[in-house]
PDB file of N, CA and C in Angstrom:
ATOM      1  N   MET A   1      -9.248  -6.578  60.871  1.00  0.00           N
ATOM      2  CA  MET A   1      -8.871  -5.220  61.209  1.00  0.00           C
ATOM      3  C   MET A   1      -7.896  -5.280  62.374  1.00  0.00           C
ATOM      4  N   ALA A   2      -6.826  -4.547  62.288  1.00  0.00           N
ATOM      5  CA  ALA A   2      -5.806  -4.535  63.331  1.00  0.00           C
ATOM      6  C   ALA A   2      -6.288  -3.730  64.530  1.00  0.00           C
ATOM      7  N   ALA A   3      -5.960  -4.206  65.709  1.00  0.00           N
ATOM      8  CA  ALA A   3      -6.306  -3.491  66.930  1.00  0.00           C
ATOM      9  C   ALA A   3      -5.315  -2.354  67.138  1.00  0.00           C
ATOM     10  N   ASN A   4      -5.816  -1.197  67.544  1.00  0.00           N
ATOM     11  CA  ASN A   4      -4.966  -0.028  67.752  1.00  0.00           C
ATOM     12  C   ASN A   4      -4.855   0.307  69.227  1.00  0.00           C
ATOM     13  N   ASP A   5      -3.711   0.889  69.609  1.00  0.00           N
ATOM     14  CA  ASP A   5      -3.552   1.374  70.971  1.00  0.00           C
ATOM     15  C   ASP A   5      -4.206   2.755  71.052  1.00  0.00           C
ATOM     16  N   PRO A   6      -4.221   3.410  72.225  1.00  0.00           N
ATOM     17  CA  PRO A   6      -4.883   4.716  72.345  1.00  0.00           C
ATOM     18  C   PRO A   6      -4.307   5.794  71.428  1.00  0.00           C
ATOM     19  N   ASN A   7      -3.060   5.651  70.975  1.00  0.00           N
ATOM     20  CA  ASN A   7      -2.458   6.641  70.079  1.00  0.00           C
ATOM     21  C   ASN A   7      -2.771   6.373  68.617  1.00  0.00           C
ATOM     22  N   GLY A   8      -3.542   5.314  68.312  1.00  0.00           N
ATOM     23  CA  GLY A   8      -3.911   5.003  66.947  1.00  0.00           C
ATOM     24  C   GLY A   8      -2.947   4.083  66.233  1.00  0.00           C
ATOM     25  N   ARG A   9      -1.848   3.698  66.888  1.00  0.00           N
ATOM     26  CA  ARG A   9      -0.889   2.785  66.266  1.00  0.00           C
ATOM     27  C   ARG A   9      -1.360   1.353  66.400  1.00  0.00           C
ATOM     28  N   ASN A  10      -1.009   0.549  65.425  1.00  0.00           N
ATOM     29  CA  ASN A  10      -1.274  -0.878  65.511  1.00  0.00           C
ATOM     30  C   ASN A  10      -0.563  -1.399  66.742  1.00  0.00           C
ATOM     31  N   LYS A  11      -1.261  -2.122  67.610  1.00  0.00           N
ATOM     32  CA  LYS A  11      -0.669  -2.529  68.882  1.00  0.00           C
ATOM     33  C   LYS A  11       0.494  -3.503  68.720  1.00  0.00           C
ATOM     34  N   TRP A  12       0.674  -4.093  67.511  1.00  0.00           N
ATOM     35  CA  TRP A  12       1.776  -5.022  67.307  1.00  0.00           C
ATOM     36  C   TRP A  12       3.029  -4.327  66.792  1.00  0.00           C
ATOM     37  N   ASN A  13       2.930  -3.056  66.386  1.00  0.00           N
ATOM     38  CA  ASN A  13       4.118  -2.316  65.963  1.00  0.00           C
ATOM     39  C   ASN A  13       4.880  -1.869  67.199  1.00  0.00           C
ATOM     40  N   LYS A  14       6.187  -1.840  67.091  1.00  0.00           N
ATOM     41  CA  LYS A  14       7.029  -1.397  68.186  1.00  0.00           C
ATOM     42  C   LYS A  14       8.009  -0.369  67.644  1.00  0.00           C
ATOM     43  N   THR A  15       8.548   0.478  68.510  1.00  0.00           N
ATOM     44  CA  THR A  15       9.606   1.387  68.094  1.00  0.00           C
ATOM     45  C   THR A  15      10.868   1.023  68.837  1.00  0.00           C
ATOM     46  N   ARG A  16      11.988   1.159  68.160  1.00  0.00           N
ATOM     47  CA  ARG A  16      13.295   0.894  68.755  1.00  0.00           C
ATOM     48  C   ARG A  16      14.247   1.976  68.267  1.00  0.00           C
ATOM     49  N   PRO A  17      15.270   2.317  69.058  1.00  0.00           N
ATOM     50  CA  PRO A  17      16.236   3.327  68.612  1.00  0.00           C
ATOM     51  C   PRO A  17      16.944   2.902  67.329  1.00  0.00           C
ATOM     52  N   VAL A  18      17.261   3.868  66.491  1.00  0.00           N
ATOM     53  CA  VAL A  18      18.016   3.591  65.282  1.00  0.00           C
ATOM     54  C   VAL A  18      19.366   3.021  65.697  1.00  0.00           C
ATOM     55  N   GLY A  19      19.828   2.016  64.989  1.00  0.00           N
ATOM     56  CA  GLY A  19      21.090   1.388  65.313  1.00  0.00           C
ATOM     57  C   GLY A  19      20.915   0.090  66.071  1.00  0.00           C
ATOM     58  N   ALA A  20      19.699  -0.167  66.577  1.00  0.00           N
ATOM     59  CA  ALA A  20      19.443  -1.446  67.235  1.00  0.00           C
ATOM     60  C   ALA A  20      19.468  -2.535  66.177  1.00  0.00           C
ATOM     61  N   ASP A  21      19.709  -3.750  66.573  1.00  0.00           N
ATOM     62  CA  ASP A  21      19.833  -4.859  65.625  1.00  0.00           C
ATOM     63  C   ASP A  21      18.445  -5.380  65.259  1.00  0.00           C
ATOM     64  N   VAL A  22      17.726  -4.616  64.437  1.00  0.00           N
ATOM     65  CA  VAL A  22      16.377  -4.975  64.006  1.00  0.00           C
ATOM     66  C   VAL A  22      16.194  -4.557  62.561  1.00  0.00           C
ATOM     67  N   THR A  23      15.151  -5.059  61.930  1.00  0.00           N
ATOM     68  CA  THR A  23      14.813  -4.667  60.568  1.00  0.00           C
ATOM     69  C   THR A  23      13.800  -3.526  60.641  1.00  0.00           C
ATOM     70  N   PHE A  24      14.112  -2.413  60.007  1.00  0.00           N
ATOM     71  CA  PHE A  24      13.249  -1.237  60.076  1.00  0.00           C
ATOM     72  C   PHE A  24      12.391  -1.090  58.833  1.00  0.00           C
ATOM     73  N   LEU A  25      11.273  -0.457  59.016  1.00  0.00           N
ATOM     74  CA  LEU A  25      10.474  -0.012  57.882  1.00  0.00           C
ATOM     75  C   LEU A  25      11.047   1.302  57.392  1.00  0.00           C
ATOM     76  N   SER A  26      10.572   1.782  56.290  1.00  0.00           N
ATOM     77  CA  SER A  26      11.080   3.039  55.756  1.00  0.00           C
ATOM     78  C   SER A  26      10.484   4.252  56.463  1.00  0.00           C
ATOM     79  N   ASP A  27       9.388   4.083  57.201  1.00  0.00           N
ATOM     80  CA  ASP A  27       8.739   5.199  57.860  1.00  0.00           C
ATOM     81  C   ASP A  27       9.542   5.648  59.075  1.00  0.00           C
ATOM     82  N   ASN A  28       9.860   6.924  59.160  1.00  0.00           N
ATOM     83  CA  ASN A  28      10.572   7.469  60.304  1.00  0.00           C
ATOM     84  C   ASN A  28       9.547   8.007  61.286  1.00  0.00           C
ATOM     85  N   GLU A  29       9.620   7.597  62.531  1.00  0.00           N
ATOM     86  CA  GLU A  29       8.639   7.997  63.533  1.00  0.00           C
ATOM     87  C   GLU A  29       9.109   9.158  64.392  1.00  0.00           C
ATOM     88  N   GLY A  30      10.263   9.761  64.103  1.00  0.00           N
ATOM     89  CA  GLY A  30      10.719  10.901  64.882  1.00  0.00           C
ATOM     90  C   GLY A  30      11.651  10.488  65.995  1.00  0.00           C
ATOM     91  N   THR A  31      11.394  10.982  67.213  1.00  0.00           N
ATOM     92  CA  THR A  31      12.283  10.688  68.334  1.00  0.00           C
ATOM     93  C   THR A  31      11.518  10.021  69.464  1.00  0.00           C
ATOM     94  N   ASP A  32      12.258   9.265  70.288  1.00  0.00           N
ATOM     95  CA  ASP A  32      11.643   8.634  71.448  1.00  0.00           C
ATOM     96  C   ASP A  32      11.724   9.579  72.647  1.00  0.00           C
ATOM     97  N   ALA A  33      11.340   9.126  73.825  1.00  0.00           N
ATOM     98  CA  ALA A  33      11.284   9.969  75.027  1.00  0.00           C
ATOM     99  C   ALA A  33      12.655  10.519  75.415  1.00  0.00           C
ATOM    100  N   GLN A  34      13.739   9.842  75.046  1.00  0.00           N
ATOM    101  CA  GLN A  34      15.085  10.304  75.371  1.00  0.00           C
ATOM    102  C   GLN A  34      15.696  11.152  74.252  1.00  0.00           C
ATOM    103  N   GLY A  35      14.911  11.483  73.224  1.00  0.00           N
ATOM    104  CA  GLY A  35      15.392  12.308  72.136  1.00  0.00           C
ATOM    105  C   GLY A  35      16.159  11.554  71.069  1.00  0.00           C
ATOM    106  N   ARG A  36      16.178  10.223  71.135  1.00  0.00           N
ATOM    107  CA  ARG A  36      16.865   9.420  70.131  1.00  0.00           C
ATOM    108  C   ARG A  36      15.946   9.200  68.942  1.00  0.00           C
ATOM    109  N   GLN A  37      16.516   9.196  67.730  1.00  0.00           N
ATOM    110  CA  GLN A  37      15.730   8.927  66.540  1.00  0.00           C
ATOM    111  C   GLN A  37      15.212   7.492  66.601  1.00  0.00           C
ATOM    112  N   SER A  38      13.963   7.294  66.218  1.00  0.00           N
ATOM    113  CA  SER A  38      13.395   5.944  66.235  1.00  0.00           C
ATOM    114  C   SER A  38      12.611   5.710  64.964  1.00  0.00           C
ATOM    115  N   GLN A  39      12.453   4.454  64.610  1.00  0.00           N
ATOM    116  CA  GLN A  39      11.674   4.061  63.454  1.00  0.00           C
ATOM    117  C   GLN A  39      10.765   2.912  63.862  1.00  0.00           C
ATOM    118  N   VAL A  40       9.701   2.705  63.077  1.00  0.00           N
ATOM    119  CA  VAL A  40       8.772   1.619  63.351  1.00  0.00           C
ATOM    120  C   VAL A  40       9.400   0.309  62.907  1.00  0.00           C
ATOM    121  N   VAL A  41       9.278  -0.720  63.730  1.00  0.00           N
ATOM    122  CA  VAL A  41       9.694  -2.061  63.357  1.00  0.00           C
ATOM    123  C   VAL A  41       8.503  -2.978  63.531  1.00  0.00           C
ATOM    124  N   ARG A  42       8.512  -4.077  62.846  1.00  0.00           N
ATOM    125  CA  ARG A  42       7.360  -4.959  62.935  1.00  0.00           C
ATOM    126  C   ARG A  42       7.799  -6.321  63.436  1.00  0.00           C
ATOM    127  N   ASP A  43       6.908  -6.962  64.170  1.00  0.00           N
ATOM    128  CA  ASP A  43       7.119  -8.357  64.513  1.00  0.00           C
ATOM    129  C   ASP A  43       7.016  -9.155  63.226  1.00  0.00           C
ATOM    130  N   GLU A  44       7.521 -10.340  63.212  1.00  0.00           N
ATOM    131  CA  GLU A  44       7.511 -11.136  61.991  1.00  0.00           C
ATOM    132  C   GLU A  44       6.212 -11.917  61.783  1.00  0.00           C
ATOM    133  N   TYR A  45       5.106 -11.389  62.262  1.00  0.00           N
ATOM    134  CA  TYR A  45       3.810 -11.994  61.995  1.00  0.00           C
ATOM    135  C   TYR A  45       3.274 -11.418  60.697  1.00  0.00           C
ATOM    136  N   PRO A  46       2.755 -12.247  59.806  1.00  0.00           N
ATOM    137  CA  PRO A  46       2.252 -11.717  58.532  1.00  0.00           C
ATOM    138  C   PRO A  46       1.036 -10.818  58.726  1.00  0.00           C
ATOM    139  N   SER A  47       0.916  -9.846  57.844  1.00  0.00           N
ATOM    140  CA  SER A  47      -0.247  -8.953  57.839  1.00  0.00           C
ATOM    141  C   SER A  47      -1.469  -9.656  57.266  1.00  0.00           C
ATOM    142  N   ARG A  48      -1.229 -10.558  56.322  1.00  0.00           N
ATOM    143  CA  ARG A  48      -2.313 -11.303  55.669  1.00  0.00           C
ATOM    144  C   ARG A  48      -1.917 -12.755  55.478  1.00  0.00           C
ATOM    145  N   VAL A  49      -2.902 -13.635  55.563  1.00  0.00           N
ATOM    146  CA  VAL A  49      -2.724 -15.059  55.282  1.00  0.00           C
ATOM    147  C   VAL A  49      -3.871 -15.470  54.367  1.00  0.00           C
ATOM    148  N   ASP A  50      -3.523 -16.087  53.235  1.00  0.00           N
ATOM    149  CA  ASP A  50      -4.530 -16.575  52.301  1.00  0.00           C
ATOM    150  C   ASP A  50      -4.325 -18.078  52.138  1.00  0.00           C
ATOM    151  N   GLU A  51      -5.188 -18.859  52.771  1.00  0.00           N
ATOM    152  CA  GLU A  51      -5.131 -20.313  52.651  1.00  0.00           C
ATOM    153  C   GLU A  51      -6.009 -20.708  51.476  1.00  0.00           C
ATOM    154  N   VAL A  52      -5.403 -20.805  50.305  1.00  0.00           N
ATOM    155  CA  VAL A  52      -6.118 -21.061  49.066  1.00  0.00           C
ATOM    156  C   VAL A  52      -6.679 -22.482  49.059  1.00  0.00           C
ATOM    157  N   THR A  53      -5.825 -23.454  49.360  1.00  0.00           N
ATOM    158  CA  THR A  53      -6.230 -24.860  49.467  1.00  0.00           C
ATOM    159  C   THR A  53      -5.471 -25.457  50.653  1.00  0.00           C
ATOM    160  N   ASP A  54      -5.690 -26.746  50.893  1.00  0.00           N
ATOM    161  CA  ASP A  54      -4.949 -27.425  51.958  1.00  0.00           C
ATOM    162  C   ASP A  54      -3.460 -27.517  51.645  1.00  0.00           C
ATOM    163  N   SER A  55      -3.080 -27.312  50.383  1.00  0.00           N
ATOM    164  CA  SER A  55      -1.671 -27.442  49.999  1.00  0.00           C
ATOM    165  C   SER A  55      -1.079 -26.156  49.409  1.00  0.00           C
ATOM    166  N   LEU A  56      -1.782 -25.015  49.537  1.00  0.00           N
ATOM    167  CA  LEU A  56      -1.280 -23.750  49.016  1.00  0.00           C
ATOM    168  C   LEU A  56      -1.677 -22.605  49.937  1.00  0.00           C
ATOM    169  N   ILE A  57      -0.660 -21.909  50.457  1.00  0.00           N
ATOM    170  CA  ILE A  57      -0.878 -20.806  51.390  1.00  0.00           C
ATOM    171  C   ILE A  57       0.014 -19.639  50.972  1.00  0.00           C
ATOM    172  N   TYR A  58      -0.538 -18.431  51.026  1.00  0.00           N
ATOM    173  CA  TYR A  58       0.242 -17.218  50.801  1.00  0.00           C
ATOM    174  C   TYR A  58       0.301 -16.441  52.111  1.00  0.00           C
ATOM    175  N   LEU A  59       1.501 -15.956  52.448  1.00  0.00           N
ATOM    176  CA  LEU A  59       1.695 -15.095  53.609  1.00  0.00           C
ATOM    177  C   LEU A  59       2.187 -13.749  53.095  1.00  0.00           C
ATOM    178  N   GLY A  60       1.651 -12.666  53.641  1.00  0.00           N
ATOM    179  CA  GLY A  60       2.057 -11.337  53.204  1.00  0.00           C
ATOM    180  C   GLY A  60       2.373 -10.422  54.363  1.00  0.00           C
ATOM    181  N   TRP A  61       3.492  -9.694  54.237  1.00  0.00           N
ATOM    182  CA  TRP A  61       3.896  -8.683  55.208  1.00  0.00           C
ATOM    183  C   TRP A  61       3.866  -7.347  54.500  1.00  0.00           C
ATOM    184  N   ALA A  62       3.170  -6.376  55.076  1.00  0.00           N
ATOM    185  CA  ALA A  62       3.014  -5.072  54.429  1.00  0.00           C
ATOM    186  C   ALA A  62       3.798  -4.002  55.174  1.00  0.00           C
ATOM    187  N   GLU A  63       4.298  -3.025  54.412  1.00  0.00           N
ATOM    188  CA  GLU A  63       4.864  -1.842  55.033  1.00  0.00           C
ATOM    189  C   GLU A  63       3.725  -1.058  55.670  1.00  0.00           C
ATOM    190  N   LEU A  64       4.039  -0.263  56.631  1.00  0.00           N
ATOM    191  CA  LEU A  64       3.053   0.514  57.361  1.00  0.00           C
ATOM    192  C   LEU A  64       2.206   1.348  56.410  1.00  0.00           C
ATOM    193  N   GLY A  65       0.897   1.202  56.487  1.00  0.00           N
ATOM    194  CA  GLY A  65      -0.022   1.986  55.677  1.00  0.00           C
ATOM    195  C   GLY A  65      -0.284   1.457  54.284  1.00  0.00           C
ATOM    196  N   ALA A  66       0.330   0.344  53.909  1.00  0.00           N
ATOM    197  CA  ALA A  66       0.149  -0.191  52.551  1.00  0.00           C
ATOM    198  C   ALA A  66      -1.236  -0.812  52.397  1.00  0.00           C
ATOM    199  N   THR A  67      -1.842  -0.585  51.231  1.00  0.00           N
ATOM    200  CA  THR A  67      -3.098  -1.242  50.890  1.00  0.00           C
ATOM    201  C   THR A  67      -2.774  -2.446  49.999  1.00  0.00           C
ATOM    202  N   VAL A  68      -3.767  -3.272  49.703  1.00  0.00           N
ATOM    203  CA  VAL A  68      -3.524  -4.498  48.933  1.00  0.00           C
ATOM    204  C   VAL A  68      -3.016  -4.232  47.526  1.00  0.00           C
ATOM    205  N   ASP A  69      -3.249  -3.024  46.987  1.00  0.00           N
ATOM    206  CA  ASP A  69      -2.788  -2.727  45.631  1.00  0.00           C
ATOM    207  C   ASP A  69      -1.536  -1.854  45.601  1.00  0.00           C
ATOM    208  N   ASP A  70      -0.902  -1.640  46.761  1.00  0.00           N
ATOM    209  CA  ASP A  70       0.372  -0.925  46.821  1.00  0.00           C
ATOM    210  C   ASP A  70       1.521  -1.911  46.617  1.00  0.00           C
ATOM    211  N   PRO A  71       2.560  -1.535  45.878  1.00  0.00           N
ATOM    212  CA  PRO A  71       3.713  -2.425  45.703  1.00  0.00           C
ATOM    213  C   PRO A  71       4.657  -2.344  46.903  1.00  0.00           C
ATOM    214  N   ARG A  72       4.123  -2.624  48.089  1.00  0.00           N
ATOM    215  CA  ARG A  72       4.880  -2.504  49.333  1.00  0.00           C
ATOM    216  C   ARG A  72       4.665  -3.738  50.213  1.00  0.00           C
ATOM    217  N   TRP A  73       4.659  -4.905  49.580  1.00  0.00           N
ATOM    218  CA  TRP A  73       4.432  -6.167  50.282  1.00  0.00           C
ATOM    219  C   TRP A  73       5.583  -7.134  50.061  1.00  0.00           C
ATOM    220  N   LYS A  74       5.884  -7.917  51.083  1.00  0.00           N
ATOM    221  CA  LYS A  74       6.767  -9.076  50.969  1.00  0.00           C
ATOM    222  C   LYS A  74       5.840 -10.285  51.026  1.00  0.00           C
ATOM    223  N   ILE A  75       5.932 -11.171  50.031  1.00  0.00           N
ATOM    224  CA  ILE A  75       4.976 -12.281  49.920  1.00  0.00           C
ATOM    225  C   ILE A  75       5.720 -13.609  49.846  1.00  0.00           C
ATOM    226  N   ARG A  76       5.260 -14.563  50.644  1.00  0.00           N
ATOM    227  CA  ARG A  76       5.833 -15.916  50.631  1.00  0.00           C
ATOM    228  C   ARG A  76       4.740 -16.907  50.279  1.00  0.00           C
ATOM    229  N   ARG A  77       5.069 -17.827  49.390  1.00  0.00           N
ATOM    230  CA  ARG A  77       4.134 -18.893  49.024  1.00  0.00           C
ATOM    231  C   ARG A  77       4.626 -20.189  49.670  1.00  0.00           C
ATOM    232  N   ILE A  78       3.717 -20.879  50.333  1.00  0.00           N
ATOM    233  CA  ILE A  78       4.002 -22.184  50.919  1.00  0.00           C
ATOM    234  C   ILE A  78       3.136 -23.175  50.168  1.00  0.00           C
ATOM    235  N   GLN A  79       3.789 -24.143  49.523  1.00  0.00           N
ATOM    236  CA  GLN A  79       3.064 -25.066  48.660  1.00  0.00           C
ATOM    237  C   GLN A  79       3.564 -26.490  48.873  1.00  0.00           C
ATOM    238  N   GLN A  80       2.631 -27.414  48.962  1.00  0.00           N
ATOM    239  CA  GLN A  80       2.987 -28.826  49.091  1.00  0.00           C
ATOM    240  C   GLN A  80       3.179 -29.418  47.705  1.00  0.00           C
ATOM    241  N   VAL A  81       4.363 -30.000  47.495  1.00  0.00           N
ATOM    242  CA  VAL A  81       4.683 -30.679  46.246  1.00  0.00           C
ATOM    243  C   VAL A  81       5.015 -32.115  46.628  1.00  0.00           C
ATOM    244  N   GLY A  82       4.085 -33.021  46.363  1.00  0.00           N
ATOM    245  CA  GLY A  82       4.243 -34.401  46.837  1.00  0.00           C
ATOM    246  C   GLY A  82       4.164 -34.416  48.357  1.00  0.00           C
ATOM    247  N   SER A  83       5.175 -34.942  49.002  1.00  0.00           N
ATOM    248  CA  SER A  83       5.191 -34.974  50.468  1.00  0.00           C
ATOM    249  C   SER A  83       6.045 -33.855  51.056  1.00  0.00           C
ATOM    250  N   VAL A  84       6.545 -32.947  50.201  1.00  0.00           N
ATOM    251  CA  VAL A  84       7.437 -31.870  50.637  1.00  0.00           C
ATOM    252  C   VAL A  84       6.709 -30.529  50.580  1.00  0.00           C
ATOM    253  N   TRP A  85       6.908 -29.715  51.609  1.00  0.00           N
ATOM    254  CA  TRP A  85       6.372 -28.351  51.634  1.00  0.00           C
ATOM    255  C   TRP A  85       7.479 -27.399  51.211  1.00  0.00           C
ATOM    256  N   GLU A  86       7.234 -26.623  50.147  1.00  0.00           N
ATOM    257  CA  GLU A  86       8.197 -25.640  49.653  1.00  0.00           C
ATOM    258  C   GLU A  86       7.769 -24.238  50.089  1.00  0.00           C
ATOM    259  N   GLN A  87       8.752 -23.447  50.524  1.00  0.00           N
ATOM    260  CA  GLN A  87       8.502 -22.056  50.886  1.00  0.00           C
ATOM    261  C   GLN A  87       9.366 -21.189  49.989  1.00  0.00           C
ATOM    262  N   LYS A  88       8.718 -20.339  49.212  1.00  0.00           N
ATOM    263  CA  LYS A  88       9.433 -19.473  48.279  1.00  0.00           C
ATOM    264  C   LYS A  88       8.882 -18.054  48.373  1.00  0.00           C
ATOM    265  N   TYR A  89       9.761 -17.080  48.103  1.00  0.00           N
ATOM    266  CA  TYR A  89       9.358 -15.674  48.117  1.00  0.00           C
ATOM    267  C   TYR A  89       9.096 -15.171  46.706  1.00  0.00           C
ATOM    268  N   ALA A  90       8.181 -14.235  46.597  1.00  0.00           N
ATOM    269  CA  ALA A  90       7.915 -13.586  45.311  1.00  0.00           C
ATOM    270  C   ALA A  90       9.199 -12.951  44.818  1.00  0.00           C
ATOM    271  N   GLY A  91       9.538 -13.218  43.567  1.00  0.00           N
ATOM    272  CA  GLY A  91      10.764 -12.685  42.997  1.00  0.00           C
ATOM    273  C   GLY A  91      12.026 -13.305  43.551  1.00  0.00           C
ATOM    274  N   GLY A  92      11.900 -14.275  44.437  1.00  0.00           N
ATOM    275  CA  GLY A  92      13.061 -14.932  45.023  1.00  0.00           C
ATOM    276  C   GLY A  92      13.759 -14.137  46.101  1.00  0.00           C
ATOM    277  N   GLU A  93      13.167 -13.012  46.529  1.00  0.00           N
ATOM    278  CA  GLU A  93      13.798 -12.143  47.519  1.00  0.00           C
ATOM    279  C   GLU A  93      12.815 -11.754  48.611  1.00  0.00           C
ATOM    280  N   GLU A  94      13.334 -11.510  49.795  1.00  0.00           N
ATOM    281  CA  GLU A  94      12.519 -11.014  50.900  1.00  0.00           C
ATOM    282  C   GLU A  94      12.517  -9.494  50.861  1.00  0.00           C
ATOM    283  N   VAL A  95      11.802  -8.937  49.899  1.00  0.00           N
ATOM    284  CA  VAL A  95      11.744  -7.483  49.742  1.00  0.00           C
ATOM    285  C   VAL A  95      10.293  -7.019  49.681  1.00  0.00           C
ATOM    286  N   TYR A  96      10.087  -5.769  50.083  1.00  0.00           N
ATOM    287  CA  TYR A  96       8.757  -5.165  50.094  1.00  0.00           C
ATOM    288  C   TYR A  96       8.551  -4.396  48.794  1.00  0.00           C
ATOM    289  N   ARG A  97       8.234  -5.111  47.716  1.00  0.00           N
ATOM    290  CA  ARG A  97       8.021  -4.432  46.434  1.00  0.00           C
ATOM    291  C   ARG A  97       6.908  -5.056  45.596  1.00  0.00           C
ATOM    292  N   PHE A  98       6.115  -5.915  46.177  1.00  0.00           N
ATOM    293  CA  PHE A  98       5.063  -6.608  45.432  1.00  0.00           C
ATOM    294  C   PHE A  98       3.681  -6.179  45.914  1.00  0.00           C
ATOM    295  N   ARG A  99       2.676  -6.474  45.113  1.00  0.00           N
ATOM    296  CA  ARG A  99       1.288  -6.148  45.449  1.00  0.00           C
ATOM    297  C   ARG A  99       0.591  -7.410  45.951  1.00  0.00           C
ATOM    298  N   TRP A 100      -0.092  -7.304  47.083  1.00  0.00           N
ATOM    299  CA  TRP A 100      -0.805  -8.451  47.654  1.00  0.00           C
ATOM    300  C   TRP A 100      -1.886  -8.945  46.707  1.00  0.00           C
ATOM    301  N   ASP A 101      -2.585  -8.044  46.034  1.00  0.00           N
ATOM    302  CA  ASP A 101      -3.674  -8.457  45.158  1.00  0.00           C
ATOM    303  C   ASP A 101      -3.190  -9.177  43.893  1.00  0.00           C
ATOM    304  N   GLN A 102      -1.874  -9.238  43.665  1.00  0.00           N
ATOM    305  CA  GLN A 102      -1.325  -9.952  42.514  1.00  0.00           C
ATOM    306  C   GLN A 102      -0.549 -11.205  42.937  1.00  0.00           C
ATOM    307  N   ARG A 103      -0.701 -11.657  44.165  1.00  0.00           N
ATOM    308  CA  ARG A 103       0.098 -12.752  44.715  1.00  0.00           C
ATOM    309  C   ARG A 103       0.033 -14.030  43.895  1.00  0.00           C
ATOM    310  N   SER A 104      -1.125 -14.358  43.332  1.00  0.00           N
ATOM    311  CA  SER A 104      -1.248 -15.619  42.583  1.00  0.00           C
ATOM    312  C   SER A 104      -0.586 -15.547  41.204  1.00  0.00           C
ATOM    313  N   MET A 105      -0.280 -14.327  40.716  1.00  0.00           N
ATOM    314  CA  MET A 105       0.313 -14.163  39.390  1.00  0.00           C
ATOM    315  C   MET A 105       1.823 -13.960  39.436  1.00  0.00           C
ATOM    316  N   LEU A 106       2.405 -13.873  40.629  1.00  0.00           N
ATOM    317  CA  LEU A 106       3.831 -13.575  40.761  1.00  0.00           C
ATOM    318  C   LEU A 106       4.687 -14.827  40.550  1.00  0.00           C
ATOM    319  N   ASN A 107       5.959 -14.601  40.253  1.00  0.00           N
ATOM    320  CA  ASN A 107       6.938 -15.677  40.099  1.00  0.00           C
ATOM    321  C   ASN A 107       7.601 -15.922  41.461  1.00  0.00           C
ATOM    322  N   TYR A 108       7.620 -17.154  41.915  1.00  0.00           N
ATOM    323  CA  TYR A 108       8.192 -17.507  43.218  1.00  0.00           C
ATOM    324  C   TYR A 108       9.427 -18.368  43.003  1.00  0.00           C
ATOM    325  N   GLU A 109      10.518 -17.946  43.632  1.00  0.00           N
ATOM    326  CA  GLU A 109      11.787 -18.670  43.480  1.00  0.00           C
ATOM    327  C   GLU A 109      12.338 -19.021  44.838  1.00  0.00           C
TER     328      GLU A 109
END
């Protein structure tokens, strides 16, 4: 369970003014104290980690408010093949359009 600040937000979420050099979520958070439009941004820590075996790990990043069955996840598979560790994204892209509960059935490129 994620820890929340007194306002109920996940303490790892941050807000930055629109136009800053960051990756934004689709959720618009309104304006900041100076009246500038702001959106929620996330640190690059995964929302979920599934260590299936010693040689297979799934990492998942979710959009704000997404549940495991929402198609709003970016999923990366890390797999050891021989002595090499391969890191691939679901669908071959870093996009938030997959379901966490289907991670083992997705195509990774």
